Amino acid sequence: MQEKLRDATRGYNGAIRWGDMDRAAHYLPAESQQSFLRRMDQTEEQLVIVDYQVTRLDLDKETAVAASRAEIQWHTDRRLIVETTYVDHLWQFHEGRFVLVDERRSGGTPLGVFAEAGDLEHPWLPGLDRYREVYELGEDNKKKKGRGKRRRNKAKKKGA
């Protein structure tokens, strides 16, 4: 699990660092990917990332939830002063891989593509609580018996 977490954080952060937003979107819940890409398209030409490092990585194996922090050094095309922003990520292990379920600025210079720590709603991620509800996380991930049926029943109830 630790190795999969390292691979996910390295893959996501590397994709963000080099501006490969399609690859970065792969690490998000499916329902968040299009919103993420639209949001990144709005700032893609203005934002230049100089350096992007993961500075912290913590994993709770019992809940399959992980936290990481990234330090991002950046500037815009118009303003060549390098700024530093710290971003906290929340990851959830689900169906054999880690999924980024929350991402918020925790310090440094505000950067519009990230939610602020006090924001109730994230601009494009559903958040851990919603993700857990939809995918019934918190149960043992290895016990999949009946999960598909419960998910279909939930979808029917919402559609009715």
N, C-alpha and C. Protein backbone atom coordinates (compact mmCIF):
# COMPACT_ATOMS: atom_id res chain seq x y z
N MET A 1 0.83 -1.18 0.00
CA MET A 1 0.00 0.00 0.00
C MET A 1 0.88 1.26 0.00
N GLN A 2 1.95 1.25 0.78
CA GLN A 2 2.87 2.39 0.85
C GLN A 2 3.48 2.69 -0.53
N GLU A 3 3.85 1.63 -1.24
CA GLU A 3 4.44 1.80 -2.57
C GLU A 3 3.43 2.39 -3.55
N LYS A 4 2.17 1.95 -3.48
CA LYS A 4 1.14 2.48 -4.37
C LYS A 4 0.87 3.96 -4.05
N LEU A 5 0.96 4.32 -2.79
CA LEU A 5 0.79 5.72 -2.40
C LEU A 5 1.93 6.57 -2.98
N ARG A 6 3.15 6.10 -2.83
CA ARG A 6 4.29 6.83 -3.39
C ARG A 6 4.16 6.99 -4.90
N ASP A 7 3.75 5.91 -5.58
CA ASP A 7 3.57 5.98 -7.04
C ASP A 7 2.49 6.98 -7.42
N ALA A 8 1.37 6.98 -6.68
CA ALA A 8 0.27 7.90 -6.99
C ALA A 8 0.69 9.35 -6.76
N THR A 9 1.32 9.64 -5.63
CA THR A 9 1.72 11.02 -5.36
C THR A 9 2.79 11.48 -6.35
N ARG A 10 3.72 10.60 -6.64
CA ARG A 10 4.77 10.94 -7.62
C ARG A 10 4.16 11.19 -9.00
N GLY A 11 3.23 10.33 -9.41
CA GLY A 11 2.59 10.48 -10.72
C GLY A 11 1.77 11.74 -10.83
N TYR A 12 0.94 12.01 -9.82
CA TYR A 12 0.09 13.20 -9.85
C TYR A 12 0.93 14.48 -9.80
N ASN A 13 1.84 14.54 -8.85
CA ASN A 13 2.66 15.74 -8.70
C ASN A 13 3.56 15.97 -9.90
N GLY A 14 4.10 14.90 -10.47
CA GLY A 14 4.92 15.03 -11.68
C GLY A 14 4.10 15.56 -12.85
N ALA A 15 2.88 15.07 -12.98
CA ALA A 15 2.01 15.53 -14.06
C ALA A 15 1.68 17.01 -13.90
N ILE A 16 1.39 17.44 -12.67
CA ILE A 16 1.12 18.85 -12.41
C ILE A 16 2.37 19.68 -12.71
N ARG A 17 3.50 19.20 -12.24
CA ARG A 17 4.78 19.93 -12.43
C ARG A 17 5.05 20.21 -13.89
N TRP A 18 4.80 19.22 -14.75
CA TRP A 18 5.14 19.36 -16.16
C TRP A 18 3.95 19.75 -17.02
N GLY A 19 2.83 20.12 -16.40
CA GLY A 19 1.68 20.63 -17.14
C GLY A 19 0.88 19.59 -17.90
N ASP A 20 1.01 18.30 -17.53
CA ASP A 20 0.26 17.23 -18.18
C ASP A 20 -1.03 16.99 -17.39
N MET A 21 -2.01 17.86 -17.59
CA MET A 21 -3.23 17.83 -16.79
C MET A 21 -4.10 16.62 -17.10
N ASP A 22 -4.05 16.10 -18.32
CA ASP A 22 -4.81 14.89 -18.63
C ASP A 22 -4.32 13.72 -17.80
N ARG A 23 -3.02 13.60 -17.66
CA ARG A 23 -2.45 12.52 -16.84
C ARG A 23 -2.74 12.76 -15.36
N ALA A 24 -2.68 14.01 -14.90
CA ALA A 24 -2.99 14.33 -13.50
C ALA A 24 -4.43 13.97 -13.18
N ALA A 25 -5.35 14.21 -14.12
CA ALA A 25 -6.77 13.93 -13.89
C ALA A 25 -7.03 12.45 -13.64
N HIS A 26 -6.17 11.59 -14.13
CA HIS A 26 -6.30 10.14 -13.93
C HIS A 26 -6.30 9.78 -12.43
N TYR A 27 -5.70 10.59 -11.59
CA TYR A 27 -5.59 10.30 -10.16
C TYR A 27 -6.79 10.81 -9.36
N LEU A 28 -7.78 11.41 -10.02
CA LEU A 28 -8.96 11.95 -9.37
C LEU A 28 -10.14 11.01 -9.53
N PRO A 29 -11.17 11.18 -8.69
CA PRO A 29 -12.40 10.43 -8.91
C PRO A 29 -12.96 10.78 -10.29
N ALA A 30 -13.56 9.82 -10.97
CA ALA A 30 -14.06 10.01 -12.34
C ALA A 30 -14.98 11.22 -12.44
N GLU A 31 -15.85 11.41 -11.45
CA GLU A 31 -16.81 12.52 -11.52
C GLU A 31 -16.16 13.89 -11.36
N SER A 32 -14.89 13.95 -10.99
CA SER A 32 -14.19 15.22 -10.80
C SER A 32 -13.26 15.57 -11.96
N GLN A 33 -12.99 14.63 -12.82
CA GLN A 33 -11.95 14.84 -13.83
C GLN A 33 -12.25 15.97 -14.79
N GLN A 34 -13.45 16.07 -15.32
CA GLN A 34 -13.77 17.13 -16.29
C GLN A 34 -13.74 18.52 -15.64
N SER A 35 -14.24 18.63 -14.41
CA SER A 35 -14.20 19.92 -13.70
C SER A 35 -12.75 20.34 -13.46
N PHE A 36 -11.92 19.38 -13.08
CA PHE A 36 -10.50 19.64 -12.86
C PHE A 36 -9.85 20.17 -14.14
N LEU A 37 -10.10 19.50 -15.26
CA LEU A 37 -9.49 19.90 -16.53
C LEU A 37 -9.97 21.29 -16.96
N ARG A 38 -11.25 21.59 -16.77
CA ARG A 38 -11.76 22.93 -17.10
C ARG A 38 -11.08 23.99 -16.24
N ARG A 39 -10.95 23.70 -14.95
CA ARG A 39 -10.33 24.66 -14.04
C ARG A 39 -8.87 24.90 -14.40
N MET A 40 -8.15 23.85 -14.72
CA MET A 40 -6.74 23.99 -15.09
C MET A 40 -6.58 24.70 -16.43
N ASP A 41 -7.50 24.48 -17.36
CA ASP A 41 -7.44 25.17 -18.66
C ASP A 41 -7.53 26.68 -18.49
N GLN A 42 -8.26 27.13 -17.49
CA GLN A 42 -8.43 28.56 -17.26
C GLN A 42 -7.13 29.24 -16.86
N THR A 43 -6.22 28.51 -16.23
CA THR A 43 -4.98 29.12 -15.74
C THR A 43 -3.73 28.59 -16.42
N GLU A 44 -3.87 27.59 -17.28
CA GLU A 44 -2.72 26.89 -17.85
C GLU A 44 -1.69 27.81 -18.49
N GLU A 45 -2.13 28.79 -19.28
CA GLU A 45 -1.19 29.65 -19.99
C GLU A 45 -0.51 30.67 -19.09
N GLN A 46 -1.16 31.04 -17.99
CA GLN A 46 -0.61 32.06 -17.11
C GLN A 46 0.37 31.51 -16.09
N LEU A 47 0.16 30.28 -15.65
CA LEU A 47 0.93 29.70 -14.55
C LEU A 47 2.16 28.95 -15.07
N VAL A 48 3.32 29.24 -14.48
CA VAL A 48 4.56 28.54 -14.80
C VAL A 48 5.08 27.93 -13.50
N ILE A 49 5.11 26.61 -13.43
CA ILE A 49 5.61 25.94 -12.23
C ILE A 49 7.11 25.74 -12.36
N VAL A 50 7.84 26.28 -11.40
CA VAL A 50 9.29 26.22 -11.40
C VAL A 50 9.77 24.94 -10.72
N ASP A 51 9.14 24.60 -9.59
CA ASP A 51 9.53 23.39 -8.84
C ASP A 51 8.31 22.88 -8.09
N TYR A 52 8.23 21.56 -7.92
CA TYR A 52 7.09 20.92 -7.26
C TYR A 52 7.64 19.73 -6.50
N GLN A 53 7.63 19.78 -5.16
CA GLN A 53 8.19 18.72 -4.34
C GLN A 53 7.19 18.23 -3.31
N VAL A 54 7.14 16.92 -3.11
CA VAL A 54 6.36 16.36 -2.01
C VAL A 54 7.22 16.44 -0.76
N THR A 55 6.71 17.10 0.28
CA THR A 55 7.52 17.30 1.49
C THR A 55 7.04 16.45 2.66
N ARG A 56 5.84 15.87 2.55
CA ARG A 56 5.32 15.03 3.63
C ARG A 56 4.41 13.96 3.03
N LEU A 57 4.46 12.76 3.61
CA LEU A 57 3.63 11.66 3.14
C LEU A 57 3.31 10.77 4.33
N ASP A 58 2.02 10.75 4.74
CA ASP A 58 1.58 9.95 5.89
C ASP A 58 0.47 9.03 5.44
N LEU A 59 0.50 7.77 5.91
CA LEU A 59 -0.49 6.77 5.53
C LEU A 59 -1.06 6.12 6.78
N ASP A 60 -2.39 6.07 6.87
CA ASP A 60 -3.07 5.32 7.92
C ASP A 60 -3.58 4.04 7.27
N LYS A 61 -2.89 2.93 7.50
CA LYS A 61 -3.23 1.68 6.83
C LYS A 61 -4.58 1.12 7.27
N GLU A 62 -5.03 1.45 8.47
CA GLU A 62 -6.32 0.94 8.95
C GLU A 62 -7.49 1.55 8.20
N THR A 63 -7.43 2.84 7.91
CA THR A 63 -8.52 3.50 7.20
C THR A 63 -8.25 3.65 5.71
N ALA A 64 -7.05 3.33 5.27
CA ALA A 64 -6.64 3.46 3.87
C ALA A 64 -6.73 4.91 3.39
N VAL A 65 -6.46 5.84 4.29
CA VAL A 65 -6.44 7.26 3.97
C VAL A 65 -5.01 7.77 4.15
N ALA A 66 -4.56 8.60 3.23
CA ALA A 66 -3.21 9.13 3.29
C ALA A 66 -3.24 10.64 3.10
N ALA A 67 -2.26 11.31 3.68
CA ALA A 67 -2.12 12.75 3.53
C ALA A 67 -0.72 13.04 3.00
N SER A 68 -0.64 14.02 2.13
CA SER A 68 0.66 14.45 1.62
C SER A 68 0.65 15.97 1.53
N ARG A 69 1.83 16.53 1.51
CA ARG A 69 1.97 17.98 1.34
C ARG A 69 2.97 18.22 0.22
N ALA A 70 2.64 19.18 -0.63
CA ALA A 70 3.52 19.55 -1.73
C ALA A 70 3.92 21.02 -1.58
N GLU A 71 5.16 21.29 -1.92
CA GLU A 71 5.66 22.66 -1.97
C GLU A 71 5.82 23.02 -3.44
N ILE A 72 5.12 24.06 -3.85
CA ILE A 72 5.12 24.46 -5.26
C ILE A 72 5.74 25.84 -5.39
N GLN A 73 6.73 25.95 -6.23
CA GLN A 73 7.32 27.26 -6.55
C GLN A 73 6.87 27.60 -7.96
N TRP A 74 6.34 28.81 -8.12
CA TRP A 74 5.72 29.18 -9.38
C TRP A 74 5.79 30.68 -9.64
N HIS A 75 5.51 31.04 -10.87
CA HIS A 75 5.31 32.44 -11.23
C HIS A 75 4.30 32.46 -12.38
N THR A 76 3.85 33.63 -12.74
CA THR A 76 2.95 33.74 -13.88
C THR A 76 3.73 34.32 -15.06
N ASP A 77 3.14 34.23 -16.25
CA ASP A 77 3.78 34.79 -17.45
C ASP A 77 3.97 36.30 -17.32
N ARG A 78 3.02 36.95 -16.66
CA ARG A 78 3.07 38.41 -16.55
C ARG A 78 3.96 38.89 -15.41
N ARG A 79 4.08 38.12 -14.37
CA ARG A 79 4.83 38.54 -13.18
C ARG A 79 5.90 37.48 -12.90
N LEU A 80 7.14 37.81 -13.07
CA LEU A 80 8.22 36.83 -13.00
C LEU A 80 8.82 36.67 -11.61
N ILE A 81 8.08 37.05 -10.58
CA ILE A 81 8.54 36.86 -9.20
C ILE A 81 8.11 35.46 -8.77
N VAL A 82 9.06 34.64 -8.31
CA VAL A 82 8.76 33.27 -7.90
C VAL A 82 8.09 33.29 -6.53
N GLU A 83 6.94 32.63 -6.46
CA GLU A 83 6.15 32.51 -5.23
C GLU A 83 6.19 31.06 -4.77
N THR A 84 5.88 30.83 -3.49
CA THR A 84 5.82 29.47 -2.94
C THR A 84 4.44 29.24 -2.34
N THR A 85 3.85 28.11 -2.68
CA THR A 85 2.54 27.71 -2.15
C THR A 85 2.66 26.29 -1.61
N TYR A 86 2.04 26.03 -0.46
CA TYR A 86 2.01 24.70 0.13
C TYR A 86 0.60 24.15 -0.02
N VAL A 87 0.50 22.91 -0.49
CA VAL A 87 -0.80 22.30 -0.75
C VAL A 87 -0.87 20.95 -0.03
N ASP A 88 -1.99 20.74 0.69
CA ASP A 88 -2.23 19.46 1.36
C ASP A 88 -3.15 18.61 0.50
N HIS A 89 -2.78 17.34 0.34
CA HIS A 89 -3.58 16.39 -0.44
C HIS A 89 -4.12 15.32 0.51
N LEU A 90 -5.32 14.85 0.21
CA LEU A 90 -5.91 13.74 0.94
C LEU A 90 -6.21 12.64 -0.07
N TRP A 91 -5.69 11.45 0.19
CA TRP A 91 -5.80 10.31 -0.73
C TRP A 91 -6.62 9.21 -0.07
N GLN A 92 -7.39 8.46 -0.87
CA GLN A 92 -8.16 7.32 -0.39
C GLN A 92 -7.81 6.11 -1.25
N PHE A 93 -7.46 5.00 -0.61
CA PHE A 93 -7.17 3.77 -1.34
C PHE A 93 -8.49 3.10 -1.67
N HIS A 94 -8.71 2.83 -2.94
CA HIS A 94 -9.97 2.22 -3.37
C HIS A 94 -9.73 1.38 -4.60
N GLU A 95 -10.19 0.15 -4.57
CA GLU A 95 -10.08 -0.79 -5.68
C GLU A 95 -8.67 -0.87 -6.25
N GLY A 96 -7.71 -1.00 -5.36
CA GLY A 96 -6.33 -1.25 -5.75
C GLY A 96 -5.49 -0.04 -6.10
N ARG A 97 -6.02 1.17 -5.91
CA ARG A 97 -5.21 2.36 -6.23
C ARG A 97 -5.61 3.51 -5.31
N PHE A 98 -4.73 4.50 -5.21
CA PHE A 98 -5.02 5.70 -4.43
C PHE A 98 -5.66 6.74 -5.33
N VAL A 99 -6.71 7.40 -4.80
CA VAL A 99 -7.45 8.42 -5.51
C VAL A 99 -7.35 9.71 -4.70
N LEU A 100 -7.05 10.81 -5.37
CA LEU A 100 -6.97 12.11 -4.72
C LEU A 100 -8.39 12.62 -4.46
N VAL A 101 -8.78 12.75 -3.19
CA VAL A 101 -10.15 13.16 -2.86
C VAL A 101 -10.24 14.57 -2.28
N ASP A 102 -9.11 15.18 -1.96
CA ASP A 102 -9.15 16.58 -1.52
C ASP A 102 -7.77 17.20 -1.71
N GLU A 103 -7.76 18.48 -2.03
CA GLU A 103 -6.52 19.22 -2.27
C GLU A 103 -6.78 20.66 -1.90
N ARG A 104 -6.05 21.17 -0.90
CA ARG A 104 -6.27 22.54 -0.43
C ARG A 104 -4.95 23.22 -0.10
N ARG A 105 -4.91 24.54 -0.34
CA ARG A 105 -3.72 25.31 0.01
C ARG A 105 -3.63 25.39 1.52
N SER A 106 -2.43 25.11 2.05
CA SER A 106 -2.23 25.14 3.50
C SER A 106 -1.29 26.25 3.94
N GLY A 107 -0.65 26.91 2.99
CA GLY A 107 0.26 28.00 3.35
C GLY A 107 0.88 28.61 2.12
N GLY A 108 1.62 29.69 2.36
CA GLY A 108 2.28 30.37 1.26
C GLY A 108 1.32 31.27 0.50
N THR A 109 1.71 31.62 -0.69
CA THR A 109 0.94 32.53 -1.54
C THR A 109 -0.30 31.84 -2.09
N PRO A 110 -1.47 32.48 -2.00
CA PRO A 110 -2.68 31.89 -2.59
C PRO A 110 -2.49 31.65 -4.09
N LEU A 111 -3.03 30.56 -4.56
CA LEU A 111 -2.96 30.18 -5.97
C LEU A 111 -4.35 29.70 -6.36
N GLY A 112 -4.99 30.37 -7.29
CA GLY A 112 -6.39 30.18 -7.60
C GLY A 112 -6.84 28.77 -7.96
N VAL A 113 -5.93 27.90 -8.39
CA VAL A 113 -6.37 26.56 -8.78
C VAL A 113 -6.62 25.65 -7.58
N PHE A 114 -6.26 26.08 -6.38
CA PHE A 114 -6.44 25.26 -5.20
C PHE A 114 -7.49 25.87 -4.28
N ALA A 115 -8.27 25.03 -3.65
CA ALA A 115 -9.23 25.49 -2.64
C ALA A 115 -8.44 25.97 -1.43
N GLU A 116 -9.05 26.87 -0.68
CA GLU A 116 -8.45 27.37 0.55
C GLU A 116 -8.83 26.45 1.70
N ALA A 117 -8.03 26.43 2.74
CA ALA A 117 -8.25 25.53 3.87
C ALA A 117 -9.64 25.70 4.49
N GLY A 118 -10.17 26.91 4.56
CA GLY A 118 -11.46 27.14 5.20
C GLY A 118 -12.67 26.95 4.30
N ASP A 119 -12.46 26.72 3.00
CA ASP A 119 -13.58 26.56 2.07
C ASP A 119 -14.37 25.30 2.40
N LEU A 120 -15.68 25.42 2.45
CA LEU A 120 -16.53 24.25 2.70
C LEU A 120 -16.59 23.34 1.49
N GLU A 121 -16.80 23.92 0.34
CA GLU A 121 -16.89 23.15 -0.90
C GLU A 121 -15.60 23.27 -1.68
N HIS A 122 -15.10 22.16 -2.17
CA HIS A 122 -13.93 22.19 -3.02
C HIS A 122 -14.39 22.49 -4.44
N PRO A 123 -13.64 23.28 -5.20
CA PRO A 123 -14.09 23.67 -6.54
C PRO A 123 -14.30 22.50 -7.50
N TRP A 124 -13.58 21.40 -7.34
CA TRP A 124 -13.78 20.31 -8.29
C TRP A 124 -13.69 18.92 -7.70
N LEU A 125 -13.29 18.76 -6.47
CA LEU A 125 -13.23 17.43 -5.87
C LEU A 125 -14.44 17.18 -4.98
N PRO A 126 -14.96 15.95 -4.97
CA PRO A 126 -16.14 15.68 -4.16
C PRO A 126 -15.85 15.58 -2.68
N GLY A 127 -14.61 15.42 -2.30
CA GLY A 127 -14.27 15.33 -0.88
C GLY A 127 -14.37 13.91 -0.36
N LEU A 128 -13.69 13.67 0.72
CA LEU A 128 -13.60 12.33 1.28
C LEU A 128 -14.95 11.80 1.73
N ASP A 129 -15.77 12.62 2.41
CA ASP A 129 -17.05 12.14 2.90
C ASP A 129 -17.95 11.67 1.76
N ARG A 130 -18.06 12.48 0.71
CA ARG A 130 -18.90 12.09 -0.42
C ARG A 130 -18.33 10.86 -1.11
N TYR A 131 -17.02 10.81 -1.28
CA TYR A 131 -16.39 9.67 -1.93
C TYR A 131 -16.64 8.39 -1.12
N ARG A 132 -16.52 8.51 0.21
CA ARG A 132 -16.79 7.35 1.07
C ARG A 132 -18.24 6.91 0.97
N GLU A 133 -19.16 7.86 0.88
CA GLU A 133 -20.58 7.53 0.78
C GLU A 133 -20.89 6.81 -0.52
N VAL A 134 -20.42 7.35 -1.63
CA VAL A 134 -20.71 6.77 -2.94
C VAL A 134 -20.10 5.38 -3.07
N TYR A 135 -18.88 5.21 -2.59
CA TYR A 135 -18.19 3.94 -2.77
C TYR A 135 -18.20 3.07 -1.52
N GLU A 136 -18.97 3.47 -0.51
CA GLU A 136 -19.12 2.70 0.72
C GLU A 136 -17.78 2.35 1.35
N LEU A 137 -16.89 3.32 1.37
CA LEU A 137 -15.59 3.10 1.97
C LEU A 137 -15.72 3.15 3.48
N GLY A 138 -14.74 2.63 4.14
CA GLY A 138 -14.81 2.50 5.58
C GLY A 138 -15.10 1.05 5.91
N GLU A 139 -15.66 0.32 4.94
CA GLU A 139 -15.80 -1.12 5.06
C GLU A 139 -14.46 -1.72 4.63
N ASP A 140 -14.31 -2.97 4.85
CA ASP A 140 -13.10 -3.64 4.41
C ASP A 140 -13.08 -3.65 2.88
N ASN A 141 -12.08 -3.04 2.27
CA ASN A 141 -11.99 -2.99 0.81
C ASN A 141 -11.92 -4.36 0.17
N LYS A 142 -11.52 -5.36 0.91
CA LYS A 142 -11.37 -6.70 0.36
C LYS A 142 -12.71 -7.42 0.28
N LYS A 143 -13.69 -6.98 1.05
CA LYS A 143 -15.01 -7.62 1.06
C LYS A 143 -15.90 -6.91 0.07
N LYS A 144 -15.96 -7.42 -1.13
CA LYS A 144 -16.72 -6.76 -2.18
C LYS A 144 -18.08 -7.41 -2.39
N LYS A 145 -18.36 -8.46 -1.68
CA LYS A 145 -19.61 -9.19 -1.86
C LYS A 145 -20.80 -8.27 -1.59
N GLY A 146 -21.66 -8.13 -2.57
CA GLY A 146 -22.87 -7.34 -2.40
C GLY A 146 -22.70 -5.85 -2.62
N ARG A 147 -21.49 -5.37 -2.78
CA ARG A 147 -21.27 -3.93 -2.93
C ARG A 147 -21.88 -3.39 -4.21
N GLY A 148 -21.73 -4.12 -5.30
CA GLY A 148 -22.28 -3.67 -6.57
C GLY A 148 -23.79 -3.56 -6.50
N LYS A 149 -24.43 -4.53 -5.85
CA LYS A 149 -25.87 -4.51 -5.70
C LYS A 149 -26.32 -3.31 -4.85
N ARG A 150 -25.62 -3.03 -3.76
CA ARG A 150 -25.95 -1.89 -2.91
C ARG A 150 -25.79 -0.58 -3.69
N ARG A 151 -24.74 -0.49 -4.50
CA ARG A 151 -24.50 0.71 -5.29
C ARG A 151 -25.63 0.92 -6.31
N ARG A 152 -26.05 -0.17 -6.97
CA ARG A 152 -27.15 -0.07 -7.94
C ARG A 152 -28.44 0.35 -7.24
N ASN A 153 -28.70 -0.21 -6.06
CA ASN A 153 -29.90 0.16 -5.32
C ASN A 153 -29.88 1.62 -4.92
N LYS A 154 -28.71 2.12 -4.50
CA LYS A 154 -28.57 3.54 -4.15
C LYS A 154 -28.87 4.42 -5.36
N ALA A 155 -28.35 4.01 -6.52
CA ALA A 155 -28.57 4.79 -7.75
C ALA A 155 -30.06 4.80 -8.11
N LYS A 156 -30.73 3.66 -7.93
CA LYS A 156 -32.16 3.61 -8.22
C LYS A 156 -32.95 4.53 -7.30
N LYS A 157 -32.59 4.54 -6.01
CA LYS A 157 -33.28 5.39 -5.04
C LYS A 157 -33.09 6.87 -5.39
N LYS A 158 -31.88 7.25 -5.79
CA LYS A 158 -31.62 8.65 -6.14
C LYS A 158 -32.36 9.05 -7.40
N GLY A 159 -32.49 8.13 -8.34
CA GLY A 159 -33.17 8.41 -9.60
C GLY A 159 -34.68 8.41 -9.46
N ALA A 160 -35.21 7.78 -8.43
CA ALA A 160 -36.67 7.67 -8.24
C ALA A 160 -37.29 8.92 -7.68
